[in-house]
Structure formats: structure tokens, C-alpha cells
Amino acid sequence: MRVIERRSFWANVKEDHVSISRLLVVDDDDEMRDMMTEYLRKHGFMALGAASLAEIEAAMSAGRIDLILLDVMLGCESGLEICAALRRDQDVPIIMVSALSADHQRMAGYEVGADDYIAKPFNPDLLLARVRAVLARAGRSASLAYRRRTRTFRFNGWRYDAKRNEVLSPDGYQVALSRRETALLQAFLANPHIPLTREEIAAALDVTGDGDHNDEAHGRAIDVLVGRLRSKIETAPKEPQMLRTERGVGYVFAADVTSEDA
């Protein structure tokens, strides 16, 4: 699979102030693709079509894309692999669309970076609602995401360089964090000394993106993620001083945080 040129979605948004969102519908079924693009156009979007990775690359090179609706099965190409490649180099929101609707198939989509997952056949009004919700969520986080990527944060002797995506310990050692661990750290750095519920943390991370998750399983996933982050930034993970449990609420980042332009 070809490497797609690294480009910041939010930088494109900042440079190109338009009111009509540009959507890319990716499906190798001509009838389905045409139906979706026509429906989205009738509801105020500029909808373009694509049927392969090559056509996705061409569309993204030709102009700004605000959201991609990506079919999981594209003939001999895998929508999951395409999503993973896009997510490595792009910030554009992605909604997976598939006839495969089992829980493990949905989770496969989320694991490669999809923002939402819609099962076929679907109600067109549901598709429209999901598109608007993902665009709204992305829009609300745009300015914060931009600030996070251009600032350096310091806390308890630690340093997080958002531009380089580097975490340095007080001793100067670089600590490797996964994508989700990094996102969790960013959420806490943006809200120091503020107790956050598991639901608020999940919303900030967009753990599942569809709002249909099981609350109990979702809460356990947050607990596991917090435990992993503690193991990397706490001197004594079982007796955390920074990432503390707030009984009856969730978690609180109990450290002063300063930031500066990177």
C-alpha cells in the first residue's frame, strides 16, 4: 500500500474557510455510492465519490476533505487497511460503512482509527445524523487539537512535546506511549485538578464513537487504559500521585500543568 503524504486536516480547515462540508463516499458498488452521494448533496453537503485507494488519494490531493465514509470491503482492497493508512497520516474523520455488523467487526474498525461505524442496510436519516455528529465533534475539538499539537506541557518534572509527540521523564528518558495512552494524557493535561468521569474521558477519546457501547465494558476499558498510563508515568503505579482515582466519580490529574509554544 502506498504511503499517503502526511498532511494536517485541521491545518487545511484553518486555511480554507468554507461553510459547506466536503465528504468523500468510498464504495465500489456504483449504485450504493451514487445513492449516498445524492442523498448527502440533497442535505447540504458537497459529496464526492471514490471506489479505491487510488481514487481516495486523487480526491484528497485535489482539495480539502472534511469526512470520509469508507466501505469495509472494496473488491480486492481492504477498507480496514485503508483506514489504518489514512489514520497514520491524516486527521480527517472516518466513518466505516459495512454489511458486517458483529461486535468484533465493529471493534476492528475502531481499532484502526475509525470515528464511527454504520452497519448496512441503514436508515438514510441515521447516516445523516451520524455524519453531522462526527463533523460537530471534530469541529468542537479542532482548536484544542491544534493547540495541543503546537505546545509543550510540563508537569511534576515531566515534559510532553505535543508537536513531536514525545514524553520525557524527569530524568530525561523518553517514554513510549501508544496512541490511546497519548490521547488520555492529552485529555488530563487539558483538565488538571478537574475530576473526570469515565464517560467524559471516553467522550474525549471517542473510544467507540457510536454511542451504543456497553457502559460497564466501556468503563473497564477506561480503567485498563488509566492503569497502563500510570505504569509509565507514576513512580509507584499502585499508589499514584498524579493520576488519582476520584472515588464515586472517576479520575483526576492531580498535578500542576504549565504549557508553552513548542
C-alpha atoms as a PDB file:
ATOM      1  CA  MET A   1       0.000   0.000   0.000  1.00  0.00           C
ATOM      2  CA  ARG A   2       1.374   3.395  -0.947  1.00  0.00           C
ATOM      3  CA  VAL A   3       2.196   5.865   1.769  1.00  0.00           C
ATOM      4  CA  ILE A   4      -0.115   8.863   1.651  1.00  0.00           C
ATOM      5  CA  GLU A   5       1.592  12.232   2.002  1.00  0.00           C
ATOM      6  CA  ARG A   6       1.435  13.475   5.580  1.00  0.00           C
ATOM      7  CA  ARG A   7      -0.925  16.414   5.830  1.00  0.00           C
ATOM      8  CA  SER A   8      -2.818  18.074   8.651  1.00  0.00           C
ATOM      9  CA  PHE A   9      -6.579  18.002   8.214  1.00  0.00           C
ATOM     10  CA  TRP A  10      -7.080  20.795  10.734  1.00  0.00           C
ATOM     11  CA  ALA A  11      -4.451  22.937   9.011  1.00  0.00           C
ATOM     12  CA  ASN A  12      -6.492  22.606   5.830  1.00  0.00           C
ATOM     13  CA  VAL A  13      -9.625  23.634   7.692  1.00  0.00           C
ATOM     14  CA  LYS A  14      -7.869  26.677   9.104  1.00  0.00           C
ATOM     15  CA  GLU A  15      -6.593  27.716   5.662  1.00  0.00           C
ATOM     16  CA  ASP A  16      -9.825  27.124   3.778  1.00  0.00           C
ATOM     17  CA  HIS A  17     -12.814  28.829   5.406  1.00  0.00           C
ATOM     18  CA  VAL A  18     -15.933  27.422   3.737  1.00  0.00           C
ATOM     19  CA  SER A  19     -19.353  26.632   5.115  1.00  0.00           C
ATOM     20  CA  ILE A  20     -20.136  23.519   3.045  1.00  0.00           C
ATOM     21  CA  SER A  21     -18.522  20.317   4.268  1.00  0.00           C
ATOM     22  CA  ARG A  22     -16.829  18.177   1.619  1.00  0.00           C
ATOM     23  CA  LEU A  23     -17.496  14.468   2.084  1.00  0.00           C
ATOM     24  CA  LEU A  24     -15.884  11.551   0.272  1.00  0.00           C
ATOM     25  CA  VAL A  25     -18.054   8.443  -0.165  1.00  0.00           C
ATOM     26  CA  VAL A  26     -15.862   5.403  -0.806  1.00  0.00           C
ATOM     27  CA  ASP A  27     -17.699   2.325  -2.096  1.00  0.00           C
ATOM     28  CA  ASP A  28     -17.038   0.059  -5.083  1.00  0.00           C
ATOM     29  CA  ASP A  29     -20.785  -0.522  -5.533  1.00  0.00           C
ATOM     30  CA  ASP A  30     -21.746   2.175  -8.043  1.00  0.00           C
ATOM     31  CA  GLU A  31     -25.431   2.134  -7.085  1.00  0.00           C
ATOM     32  CA  MET A  32     -24.760   2.436  -3.347  1.00  0.00           C
ATOM     33  CA  ARG A  33     -22.138   5.151  -3.860  1.00  0.00           C
ATOM     34  CA  ASP A  34     -24.408   7.187  -6.112  1.00  0.00           C
ATOM     35  CA  MET A  35     -27.341   6.828  -3.703  1.00  0.00           C
ATOM     36  CA  MET A  36     -25.272   8.019  -0.746  1.00  0.00           C
ATOM     37  CA  THR A  37     -23.670  10.948  -2.553  1.00  0.00           C
ATOM     38  CA  GLU A  38     -27.005  12.110  -3.960  1.00  0.00           C
ATOM     39  CA  TYR A  39     -28.695  11.895  -0.551  1.00  0.00           C
ATOM     40  CA  LEU A  40     -25.888  13.851   1.133  1.00  0.00           C
ATOM     41  CA  ARG A  41     -25.950  16.516  -1.572  1.00  0.00           C
ATOM     42  CA  LYS A  42     -29.678  16.989  -1.042  1.00  0.00           C
ATOM     43  CA  HIS A  43     -28.951  17.710   2.612  1.00  0.00           C
ATOM     44  CA  GLY A  44     -26.404  20.436   2.040  1.00  0.00           C
ATOM     45  CA  PHE A  45     -23.091  18.610   1.719  1.00  0.00           C
ATOM     46  CA  MET A  46     -20.640  18.544  -1.148  1.00  0.00           C
ATOM     47  CA  ALA A  47     -20.338  14.786  -1.671  1.00  0.00           C
ATOM     48  CA  LEU A  48     -17.721  13.184  -3.906  1.00  0.00           C
ATOM     49  CA  GLY A  49     -17.334   9.530  -4.815  1.00  0.00           C
ATOM     50  CA  ALA A  50     -14.403   7.114  -4.880  1.00  0.00           C
ATOM     51  CA  ALA A  51     -14.062   3.361  -5.319  1.00  0.00           C
ATOM     52  CA  SER A  52     -10.432   2.606  -4.453  1.00  0.00           C
ATOM     53  CA  LEU A  53      -7.349   3.792  -2.591  1.00  0.00           C
ATOM     54  CA  ALA A  54      -6.043   5.415  -5.762  1.00  0.00           C
ATOM     55  CA  GLU A  55      -9.249   7.426  -6.128  1.00  0.00           C
ATOM     56  CA  ILE A  56      -9.136   8.409  -2.436  1.00  0.00           C
ATOM     57  CA  GLU A  57      -5.590   9.708  -2.888  1.00  0.00           C
ATOM     58  CA  ALA A  58      -6.623  11.629  -6.010  1.00  0.00           C
ATOM     59  CA  ALA A  59      -9.596  13.228  -4.237  1.00  0.00           C
ATOM     60  CA  MET A  60      -7.539  14.239  -1.211  1.00  0.00           C
ATOM     61  CA  SER A  61      -4.787  15.664  -3.393  1.00  0.00           C
ATOM     62  CA  ALA A  62      -7.337  17.692  -5.352  1.00  0.00           C
ATOM     63  CA  GLY A  63      -8.816  19.507  -2.338  1.00  0.00           C
ATOM     64  CA  ARG A  64      -9.952  19.531   1.258  1.00  0.00           C
ATOM     65  CA  ILE A  65     -11.951  16.535   2.517  1.00  0.00           C
ATOM     66  CA  ASP A  66     -13.838  17.027   5.798  1.00  0.00           C
ATOM     67  CA  LEU A  67     -15.059  13.456   6.332  1.00  0.00           C
ATOM     68  CA  ILE A  68     -14.733  10.057   4.649  1.00  0.00           C
ATOM     69  CA  LEU A  69     -17.466   7.415   4.515  1.00  0.00           C
ATOM     70  CA  LEU A  70     -15.441   4.253   3.888  1.00  0.00           C
ATOM     71  CA  ASP A  71     -16.828   0.845   2.957  1.00  0.00           C
ATOM     72  CA  VAL A  72     -15.064  -2.052   4.663  1.00  0.00           C
ATOM     73  CA  MET A  73     -14.954  -4.297   1.570  1.00  0.00           C
ATOM     74  CA  LEU A  74     -13.689  -2.678  -1.629  1.00  0.00           C
ATOM     75  CA  GLY A  75     -13.211  -5.543  -4.046  1.00  0.00           C
ATOM     76  CA  CYS A  76      -9.622  -6.724  -3.573  1.00  0.00           C
ATOM     77  CA  GLU A  77      -8.807  -3.806  -1.237  1.00  0.00           C
ATOM     78  CA  SER A  78      -9.499  -3.733   2.493  1.00  0.00           C
ATOM     79  CA  GLY A  79     -11.264  -0.706   3.914  1.00  0.00           C
ATOM     80  CA  LEU A  80      -9.699  -1.513   7.290  1.00  0.00           C
ATOM     81  CA  GLU A  81      -6.186  -1.346   5.840  1.00  0.00           C
ATOM     82  CA  ILE A  82      -7.025   1.892   4.030  1.00  0.00           C
ATOM     83  CA  CYS A  83      -8.422   3.370   7.263  1.00  0.00           C
ATOM     84  CA  ALA A  84      -5.258   2.405   9.146  1.00  0.00           C
ATOM     85  CA  ALA A  85      -3.068   4.005   6.457  1.00  0.00           C
ATOM     86  CA  LEU A  86      -5.145   7.185   6.436  1.00  0.00           C
ATOM     87  CA  ARG A  87      -5.088   7.409  10.216  1.00  0.00           C
ATOM     88  CA  ARG A  88      -1.283   7.227  10.286  1.00  0.00           C
ATOM     89  CA  ASP A  89      -1.014  10.320   8.091  1.00  0.00           C
ATOM     90  CA  GLN A  90      -4.327  12.173   8.302  1.00  0.00           C
ATOM     91  CA  ASP A  91      -6.672  13.638  10.914  1.00  0.00           C
ATOM     92  CA  VAL A  92      -9.731  13.527   8.657  1.00  0.00           C
ATOM     93  CA  PRO A  93     -12.764  11.924  10.409  1.00  0.00           C
ATOM     94  CA  ILE A  94     -13.643   8.471   9.049  1.00  0.00           C
ATOM     95  CA  ILE A  95     -16.960   6.612   9.300  1.00  0.00           C
ATOM     96  CA  MET A  96     -16.778   2.931   8.347  1.00  0.00           C
ATOM     97  CA  VAL A  97     -19.791   1.561   6.459  1.00  0.00           C
ATOM     98  CA  SER A  98     -20.235  -2.195   6.239  1.00  0.00           C
ATOM     99  CA  ALA A  99     -22.635  -5.119   5.986  1.00  0.00           C
ATOM    100  CA  LEU A 100     -20.510  -6.727   8.719  1.00  0.00           C
ATOM    101  CA  SER A 101     -22.115  -5.696  11.994  1.00  0.00           C
ATOM    102  CA  ALA A 102     -20.919  -8.116  14.687  1.00  0.00           C
ATOM    103  CA  ASP A 103     -19.302  -6.541  17.749  1.00  0.00           C
ATOM    104  CA  HIS A 104     -15.809  -7.833  16.898  1.00  0.00           C
ATOM    105  CA  GLN A 105     -16.139  -6.448  13.362  1.00  0.00           C
ATOM    106  CA  ARG A 106     -17.158  -3.034  14.705  1.00  0.00           C
ATOM    107  CA  MET A 107     -14.246  -3.100  17.146  1.00  0.00           C
ATOM    108  CA  ALA A 108     -11.865  -3.916  14.279  1.00  0.00           C
ATOM    109  CA  GLY A 109     -12.960  -0.652  12.685  1.00  0.00           C
ATOM    110  CA  TYR A 110     -12.450   1.355  15.856  1.00  0.00           C
ATOM    111  CA  GLU A 111      -9.064  -0.262  16.443  1.00  0.00           C
ATOM    112  CA  VAL A 112      -7.721   1.021  13.106  1.00  0.00           C
ATOM    113  CA  GLY A 113      -8.898   4.546  13.934  1.00  0.00           C
ATOM    114  CA  ALA A 114     -12.463   4.875  12.623  1.00  0.00           C
ATOM    115  CA  ASP A 115     -14.546   7.586  14.318  1.00  0.00           C
ATOM    116  CA  ASP A 116     -17.836   5.749  13.824  1.00  0.00           C
ATOM    117  CA  TYR A 117     -19.207   2.534  12.285  1.00  0.00           C
ATOM    118  CA  ILE A 118     -22.538   2.161  10.477  1.00  0.00           C
ATOM    119  CA  ALA A 119     -23.955  -1.243   9.514  1.00  0.00           C
ATOM    120  CA  LYS A 120     -25.725  -1.855   6.193  1.00  0.00           C
ATOM    121  CA  PRO A 121     -28.559  -1.698   5.477  1.00  0.00           C
ATOM    122  CA  PHE A 122     -29.065   1.591   7.260  1.00  0.00           C
ATOM    123  CA  ASN A 123     -31.734   4.253   7.511  1.00  0.00           C
ATOM    124  CA  PRO A 124     -30.533   7.278   5.460  1.00  0.00           C
ATOM    125  CA  ASP A 125     -31.634   9.581   8.286  1.00  0.00           C
ATOM    126  CA  LEU A 126     -29.343   7.640  10.649  1.00  0.00           C
ATOM    127  CA  LEU A 127     -26.456   8.091   8.214  1.00  0.00           C
ATOM    128  CA  LEU A 128     -27.145  11.825   8.092  1.00  0.00           C
ATOM    129  CA  ALA A 129     -27.307  12.075  11.890  1.00  0.00           C
ATOM    130  CA  ARG A 130     -24.029  10.183  12.294  1.00  0.00           C
ATOM    131  CA  VAL A 131     -22.281  12.361   9.707  1.00  0.00           C
ATOM    132  CA  ARG A 132     -23.452  15.547  11.405  1.00  0.00           C
ATOM    133  CA  ALA A 133     -22.479  14.222  14.854  1.00  0.00           C
ATOM    134  CA  VAL A 134     -18.949  13.274  13.785  1.00  0.00           C
ATOM    135  CA  LEU A 135     -18.445  16.597  11.998  1.00  0.00           C
ATOM    136  CA  ALA A 136     -19.720  18.502  15.042  1.00  0.00           C
ATOM    137  CA  ARG A 137     -17.480  16.516  17.390  1.00  0.00           C
ATOM    138  CA  ALA A 138     -14.489  17.101  15.130  1.00  0.00           C
ATOM    139  CA  GLY A 139     -15.284  20.796  14.845  1.00  0.00           C
ATOM    140  CA  ARG A 140     -15.521  21.247  18.613  1.00  0.00           C
ATOM    141  CA  SER A 141     -12.132  19.631  19.118  1.00  0.00           C
ATOM    142  CA  ALA A 142     -10.361  21.376  16.224  1.00  0.00           C
ATOM    143  CA  SER A 143      -8.916  24.374  18.027  1.00  0.00           C
ATOM    144  CA  LEU A 144      -7.927  22.336  21.072  1.00  0.00           C
ATOM    145  CA  ALA A 145      -6.298  19.715  18.845  1.00  0.00           C
ATOM    146  CA  TYR A 146      -4.340  22.453  17.088  1.00  0.00           C
ATOM    147  CA  ARG A 147      -3.148  23.918  20.392  1.00  0.00           C
ATOM    148  CA  ARG A 148      -2.147  20.514  21.670  1.00  0.00           C
ATOM    149  CA  ARG A 149      -0.026  19.864  18.608  1.00  0.00           C
ATOM    150  CA  THR A 150       1.880  23.108  18.880  1.00  0.00           C
ATOM    151  CA  ARG A 151       2.569  23.289  22.615  1.00  0.00           C
ATOM    152  CA  THR A 152       4.865  21.803  25.215  1.00  0.00           C
ATOM    153  CA  PHE A 153       3.387  20.748  28.563  1.00  0.00           C
ATOM    154  CA  ARG A 154       5.307  20.370  31.837  1.00  0.00           C
ATOM    155  CA  PHE A 155       4.078  18.559  34.955  1.00  0.00           C
ATOM    156  CA  ASN A 156       5.947  17.210  38.012  1.00  0.00           C
ATOM    157  CA  GLY A 157       9.263  17.372  36.164  1.00  0.00           C
ATOM    158  CA  TRP A 158       7.808  15.605  33.108  1.00  0.00           C
ATOM    159  CA  ARG A 159       7.706  17.167  29.658  1.00  0.00           C
ATOM    160  CA  TYR A 160       5.258  16.398  26.843  1.00  0.00           C
ATOM    161  CA  ASP A 161       6.117  17.894  23.461  1.00  0.00           C
ATOM    162  CA  ALA A 162       2.850  17.744  21.513  1.00  0.00           C
ATOM    163  CA  LYS A 163       4.436  18.838  18.254  1.00  0.00           C
ATOM    164  CA  ARG A 164       6.971  15.994  18.353  1.00  0.00           C
ATOM    165  CA  ASN A 165       4.623  13.701  20.303  1.00  0.00           C
ATOM    166  CA  GLU A 166       7.411  12.975  22.793  1.00  0.00           C
ATOM    167  CA  VAL A 167       7.124  12.285  26.524  1.00  0.00           C
ATOM    168  CA  LEU A 168      10.280  12.845  28.587  1.00  0.00           C
ATOM    169  CA  SER A 169      10.670  11.727  32.202  1.00  0.00           C
ATOM    170  CA  PRO A 170      12.265  13.978  34.870  1.00  0.00           C
ATOM    171  CA  ASP A 171      15.489  12.021  34.250  1.00  0.00           C
ATOM    172  CA  GLY A 172      15.386  12.891  30.555  1.00  0.00           C
ATOM    173  CA  TYR A 173      14.377   9.451  29.303  1.00  0.00           C
ATOM    174  CA  GLN A 174      11.831   9.234  26.505  1.00  0.00           C
ATOM    175  CA  VAL A 175       8.773   7.159  27.429  1.00  0.00           C
ATOM    176  CA  ALA A 176       6.864   5.454  24.624  1.00  0.00           C
ATOM    177  CA  LEU A 177       3.083   5.828  24.758  1.00  0.00           C
ATOM    178  CA  SER A 178       0.510   4.216  22.494  1.00  0.00           C
ATOM    179  CA  ARG A 179      -1.886   6.395  20.519  1.00  0.00           C
ATOM    180  CA  ARG A 180      -4.653   5.939  23.105  1.00  0.00           C
ATOM    181  CA  GLU A 181      -2.317   6.470  26.046  1.00  0.00           C
ATOM    182  CA  THR A 182      -1.175   9.709  24.414  1.00  0.00           C
ATOM    183  CA  ALA A 183      -4.787  10.795  23.864  1.00  0.00           C
ATOM    184  CA  LEU A 184      -5.585  10.025  27.504  1.00  0.00           C
ATOM    185  CA  LEU A 185      -2.586  12.047  28.705  1.00  0.00           C
ATOM    186  CA  GLN A 186      -3.685  14.955  26.492  1.00  0.00           C
ATOM    187  CA  ALA A 187      -7.184  14.846  27.980  1.00  0.00           C
ATOM    188  CA  PHE A 188      -5.790  15.032  31.518  1.00  0.00           C
ATOM    189  CA  LEU A 189      -3.268  17.770  30.656  1.00  0.00           C
ATOM    190  CA  ALA A 190      -6.129  19.853  29.294  1.00  0.00           C
ATOM    191  CA  ASN A 191      -8.083  19.407  32.553  1.00  0.00           C
ATOM    192  CA  PRO A 192      -5.653  19.401  35.517  1.00  0.00           C
ATOM    193  CA  HIS A 193      -7.227  19.122  39.003  1.00  0.00           C
ATOM    194  CA  ILE A 194     -10.678  18.570  37.443  1.00  0.00           C
ATOM    195  CA  PRO A 195     -12.347  15.234  38.325  1.00  0.00           C
ATOM    196  CA  LEU A 196     -13.404  13.498  35.105  1.00  0.00           C
ATOM    197  CA  THR A 197     -15.960  10.713  34.877  1.00  0.00           C
ATOM    198  CA  ARG A 198     -15.234   7.636  32.800  1.00  0.00           C
ATOM    199  CA  GLU A 199     -17.937   8.796  30.402  1.00  0.00           C
ATOM    200  CA  GLU A 200     -16.256  12.185  29.957  1.00  0.00           C
ATOM    201  CA  ILE A 201     -12.897  10.517  29.382  1.00  0.00           C
ATOM    202  CA  ALA A 202     -14.411   8.122  26.851  1.00  0.00           C
ATOM    203  CA  ALA A 203     -16.058  11.027  25.025  1.00  0.00           C
ATOM    204  CA  ALA A 204     -12.720  12.871  24.876  1.00  0.00           C
ATOM    205  CA  LEU A 205     -11.024   9.765  23.490  1.00  0.00           C
ATOM    206  CA  ASP A 206     -14.001   8.691  21.348  1.00  0.00           C
ATOM    207  CA  VAL A 207     -13.330   5.110  22.428  1.00  0.00           C
ATOM    208  CA  THR A 208     -16.173   3.621  20.381  1.00  0.00           C
ATOM    209  CA  GLY A 209     -17.675   6.572  18.566  1.00  0.00           C
ATOM    210  CA  ASP A 210     -21.183   5.173  18.121  1.00  0.00           C
ATOM    211  CA  GLY A 211     -22.850   5.850  21.468  1.00  0.00           C
ATOM    212  CA  ASP A 212     -24.139   2.263  21.533  1.00  0.00           C
ATOM    213  CA  HIS A 213     -21.393   0.773  23.694  1.00  0.00           C
ATOM    214  CA  ASN A 214     -21.985  -1.162  26.878  1.00  0.00           C
ATOM    215  CA  ASP A 215     -21.347   1.237  29.764  1.00  0.00           C
ATOM    216  CA  GLU A 216     -19.806  -1.409  32.001  1.00  0.00           C
ATOM    217  CA  ALA A 217     -17.400  -2.711  29.333  1.00  0.00           C
ATOM    218  CA  HIS A 218     -16.614   0.844  28.309  1.00  0.00           C
ATOM    219  CA  GLY A 219     -15.787   1.751  31.936  1.00  0.00           C
ATOM    220  CA  ARG A 220     -13.463  -1.243  32.252  1.00  0.00           C
ATOM    221  CA  ALA A 221     -11.653  -0.182  29.072  1.00  0.00           C
ATOM    222  CA  ILE A 222     -11.005   3.262  30.587  1.00  0.00           C
ATOM    223  CA  ASP A 223      -9.762   1.686  33.827  1.00  0.00           C
ATOM    224  CA  VAL A 224      -7.329  -0.524  31.901  1.00  0.00           C
ATOM    225  CA  LEU A 225      -6.077   2.441  29.869  1.00  0.00           C
ATOM    226  CA  VAL A 226      -5.569   4.555  33.003  1.00  0.00           C
ATOM    227  CA  GLY A 227      -3.658   1.665  34.565  1.00  0.00           C
ATOM    228  CA  ARG A 228      -1.338   1.460  31.556  1.00  0.00           C
ATOM    229  CA  LEU A 229      -0.641   5.194  31.642  1.00  0.00           C
ATOM    230  CA  ARG A 230       0.025   5.048  35.392  1.00  0.00           C
ATOM    231  CA  SER A 231       2.568   2.274  34.845  1.00  0.00           C
ATOM    232  CA  LYS A 232       4.530   4.604  32.584  1.00  0.00           C
ATOM    233  CA  ILE A 233       4.381   7.991  34.335  1.00  0.00           C
ATOM    234  CA  GLU A 234       3.937   7.152  38.027  1.00  0.00           C
ATOM    235  CA  THR A 235       6.876   6.253  40.298  1.00  0.00           C
ATOM    236  CA  ALA A 236       4.589   3.927  42.257  1.00  0.00           C
ATOM    237  CA  PRO A 237       1.660   2.988  39.959  1.00  0.00           C
ATOM    238  CA  LYS A 238      -0.238   1.279  42.805  1.00  0.00           C
ATOM    239  CA  GLU A 239      -0.013   4.467  44.866  1.00  0.00           C
ATOM    240  CA  PRO A 240      -0.408   7.122  42.149  1.00  0.00           C
ATOM    241  CA  GLN A 241       0.386  10.726  42.990  1.00  0.00           C
ATOM    242  CA  MET A 242      -0.630  12.354  39.711  1.00  0.00           C
ATOM    243  CA  LEU A 243      -3.299  10.206  38.096  1.00  0.00           C
ATOM    244  CA  ARG A 244      -5.544   9.612  41.092  1.00  0.00           C
ATOM    245  CA  THR A 245      -8.834   7.792  41.437  1.00  0.00           C
ATOM    246  CA  GLU A 246     -11.662  10.109  42.452  1.00  0.00           C
ATOM    247  CA  ARG A 247     -13.990   7.830  44.389  1.00  0.00           C
ATOM    248  CA  GLY A 248     -17.536   7.865  43.072  1.00  0.00           C
ATOM    249  CA  VAL A 249     -16.541   9.993  40.070  1.00  0.00           C
ATOM    250  CA  GLY A 250     -13.649   8.698  38.007  1.00  0.00           C
ATOM    251  CA  TYR A 251     -10.139  10.114  37.804  1.00  0.00           C
ATOM    252  CA  VAL A 252      -8.350  13.411  38.403  1.00  0.00           C
ATOM    253  CA  PHE A 253      -4.924  14.596  37.203  1.00  0.00           C
ATOM    254  CA  ALA A 254      -3.566  15.958  40.495  1.00  0.00           C
ATOM    255  CA  ALA A 255      -0.564  17.861  39.192  1.00  0.00           C
ATOM    256  CA  ASP A 256       0.044  21.450  38.164  1.00  0.00           C
ATOM    257  CA  VAL A 257       0.398  21.774  34.398  1.00  0.00           C
ATOM    258  CA  THR A 258       2.144  24.597  32.531  1.00  0.00           C
ATOM    259  CA  SER A 259       2.303  24.973  28.780  1.00  0.00           C
ATOM    260  CA  GLU A 260       4.221  26.991  26.249  1.00  0.00           C
ATOM    261  CA  ASP A 261       4.529  27.238  22.487  1.00  0.00           C
ATOM    262  CA  ALA A 262       6.595  24.376  21.173  1.00  0.00           C
END
